C-alpha atoms as a PDB file:
ATOM      1  CA  MET A   1     -52.549   3.809   4.067  1.00  0.00           C
ATOM      2  CA  GLU A   2     -53.632   4.425   7.651  1.00  0.00           C
ATOM      3  CA  ASP A   3     -56.658   6.364   6.359  1.00  0.00           C
ATOM      4  CA  VAL A   4     -57.771   3.357   4.314  1.00  0.00           C
ATOM      5  CA  LEU A   5     -57.327   0.968   7.241  1.00  0.00           C
ATOM      6  CA  ALA A   6     -59.313   3.304   9.500  1.00  0.00           C
ATOM      7  CA  VAL A   7     -62.374   2.759   7.285  1.00  0.00           C
ATOM      8  CA  TYR A   8     -62.557  -0.863   8.461  1.00  0.00           C
ATOM      9  CA  THR A   9     -62.607   0.158  12.142  1.00  0.00           C
ATOM     10  CA  ARG A  10     -65.636   2.435  11.810  1.00  0.00           C
ATOM     11  CA  PRO A  11     -68.816   1.310  13.599  1.00  0.00           C
ATOM     12  CA  ARG A  12     -71.440  -0.415  11.466  1.00  0.00           C
ATOM     13  CA  ASP A  13     -73.944   1.985   9.891  1.00  0.00           C
ATOM     14  CA  ALA A  14     -77.022   0.513   8.165  1.00  0.00           C
ATOM     15  CA  ASP A  15     -77.557   3.720   6.166  1.00  0.00           C
ATOM     16  CA  CYS A  16     -74.002   3.717   4.812  1.00  0.00           C
ATOM     17  CA  PRO A  17     -72.742   0.104   4.530  1.00  0.00           C
ATOM     18  CA  LEU A  18     -69.107  -0.696   3.862  1.00  0.00           C
ATOM     19  CA  VAL A  19     -69.022  -2.569   0.545  1.00  0.00           C
ATOM     20  CA  CYS A  20     -65.903  -4.310  -0.791  1.00  0.00           C
ATOM     21  CA  LEU A  21     -65.292  -4.943  -4.492  1.00  0.00           C
ATOM     22  CA  ASP A  22     -62.837  -7.306  -6.142  1.00  0.00           C
ATOM     23  CA  GLU A  23     -62.376  -8.194  -9.778  1.00  0.00           C
ATOM     24  CA  THR A  24     -60.182 -10.505 -11.811  1.00  0.00           C
ATOM     25  CA  SER A  25     -59.815 -11.660 -15.395  1.00  0.00           C
ATOM     26  CA  LYS A  26     -59.324 -15.326 -16.268  1.00  0.00           C
ATOM     27  CA  GLN A  27     -58.512 -17.139 -19.508  1.00  0.00           C
ATOM     28  CA  LEU A  28     -60.903 -19.890 -20.531  1.00  0.00           C
ATOM     29  CA  LEU A  29     -58.803 -22.815 -21.735  1.00  0.00           C
ATOM     30  CA  ALA A  30     -59.656 -26.237 -23.154  1.00  0.00           C
ATOM     31  CA  GLU A  31     -57.479 -29.328 -23.614  1.00  0.00           C
ATOM     32  CA  THR A  32     -56.645 -30.174 -27.236  1.00  0.00           C
ATOM     33  CA  ARG A  33     -55.636 -33.766 -26.445  1.00  0.00           C
ATOM     34  CA  VAL A  34     -56.947 -36.319 -23.992  1.00  0.00           C
ATOM     35  CA  PRO A  35     -54.706 -36.487 -20.884  1.00  0.00           C
ATOM     36  CA  ILE A  36     -52.816 -39.743 -20.294  1.00  0.00           C
ATOM     37  CA  PRO A  37     -54.302 -41.329 -17.165  1.00  0.00           C
ATOM     38  CA  MET A  38     -52.319 -42.075 -14.043  1.00  0.00           C
ATOM     39  CA  LYS A  39     -50.532 -45.435 -13.735  1.00  0.00           C
ATOM     40  CA  ALA A  40     -48.867 -47.111 -10.776  1.00  0.00           C
ATOM     41  CA  GLY A  41     -45.933 -44.913  -9.762  1.00  0.00           C
ATOM     42  CA  ARG A  42     -46.649 -42.268 -12.436  1.00  0.00           C
ATOM     43  CA  PRO A  43     -48.837 -39.150 -12.242  1.00  0.00           C
ATOM     44  CA  SER A  44     -51.343 -38.306 -14.966  1.00  0.00           C
ATOM     45  CA  ARG A  45     -49.850 -36.400 -17.891  1.00  0.00           C
ATOM     46  CA  PHE A  46     -51.186 -33.336 -19.682  1.00  0.00           C
ATOM     47  CA  ASP A  47     -50.011 -31.835 -22.957  1.00  0.00           C
ATOM     48  CA  TYR A  48     -48.795 -28.244 -22.946  1.00  0.00           C
ATOM     49  CA  GLU A  49     -51.004 -27.320 -25.908  1.00  0.00           C
ATOM     50  CA  TYR A  50     -54.404 -25.825 -25.249  1.00  0.00           C
ATOM     51  CA  GLU A  51     -57.249 -24.137 -27.085  1.00  0.00           C
ATOM     52  CA  ARG A  52     -58.102 -20.608 -25.991  1.00  0.00           C
ATOM     53  CA  ASN A  53     -61.822 -20.044 -25.493  1.00  0.00           C
ATOM     54  CA  GLY A  54     -61.732 -16.336 -24.655  1.00  0.00           C
ATOM     55  CA  THR A  55     -61.667 -14.624 -21.289  1.00  0.00           C
ATOM     56  CA  ALA A  56     -64.065 -14.012 -18.430  1.00  0.00           C
ATOM     57  CA  ASN A  57     -64.196 -11.085 -16.017  1.00  0.00           C
ATOM     58  CA  LEU A  58     -65.204 -12.034 -12.484  1.00  0.00           C
ATOM     59  CA  PHE A  59     -66.599  -9.471 -10.048  1.00  0.00           C
ATOM     60  CA  MET A  60     -67.357  -9.920  -6.357  1.00  0.00           C
ATOM     61  CA  MET A  61     -69.068  -7.375  -4.131  1.00  0.00           C
ATOM     62  CA  PHE A  62     -69.994  -7.925  -0.504  1.00  0.00           C
ATOM     63  CA  ALA A  63     -70.698  -6.070   2.705  1.00  0.00           C
ATOM     64  CA  CYS A  64     -67.596  -6.446   4.851  1.00  0.00           C
ATOM     65  CA  SER A  65     -69.527  -6.295   8.112  1.00  0.00           C
ATOM     66  CA  ASP A  66     -72.031  -8.971   7.059  1.00  0.00           C
ATOM     67  CA  ALA A  67     -71.678 -12.219   9.002  1.00  0.00           C
ATOM     68  CA  ASN A  68     -72.647 -14.334   5.968  1.00  0.00           C
ATOM     69  CA  PRO A  69     -71.127 -12.874   2.806  1.00  0.00           C
ATOM     70  CA  SER A  70     -72.205 -14.354  -0.497  1.00  0.00           C
ATOM     71  CA  ALA A  71     -71.126 -14.007  -4.107  1.00  0.00           C
ATOM     72  CA  CYS A  72     -72.735 -14.706  -7.453  1.00  0.00           C
ATOM     73  CA  GLY A  73     -71.640 -14.825 -11.054  1.00  0.00           C
ATOM     74  CA  ARG A  74     -73.313 -14.667 -14.411  1.00  0.00           C
ATOM     75  CA  ASP A  75     -72.411 -14.729 -18.084  1.00  0.00           C
END
């Protein structure tokens, strides 16, 4: 573990940038019924049923030493 953490303490090198990668998978869900709106003293209510609309894989790569990291996504 110490070897991995030492990578982040290396000086910045423009020829060999330190790039971080993260990924996650998310379910795409849709409501099957219209939620009941909030009333005085009661929160809004949602049904437990949902329609599954597939999954999406999200990837994020950025230069760790960059002062202004940015991310983008696409279908």
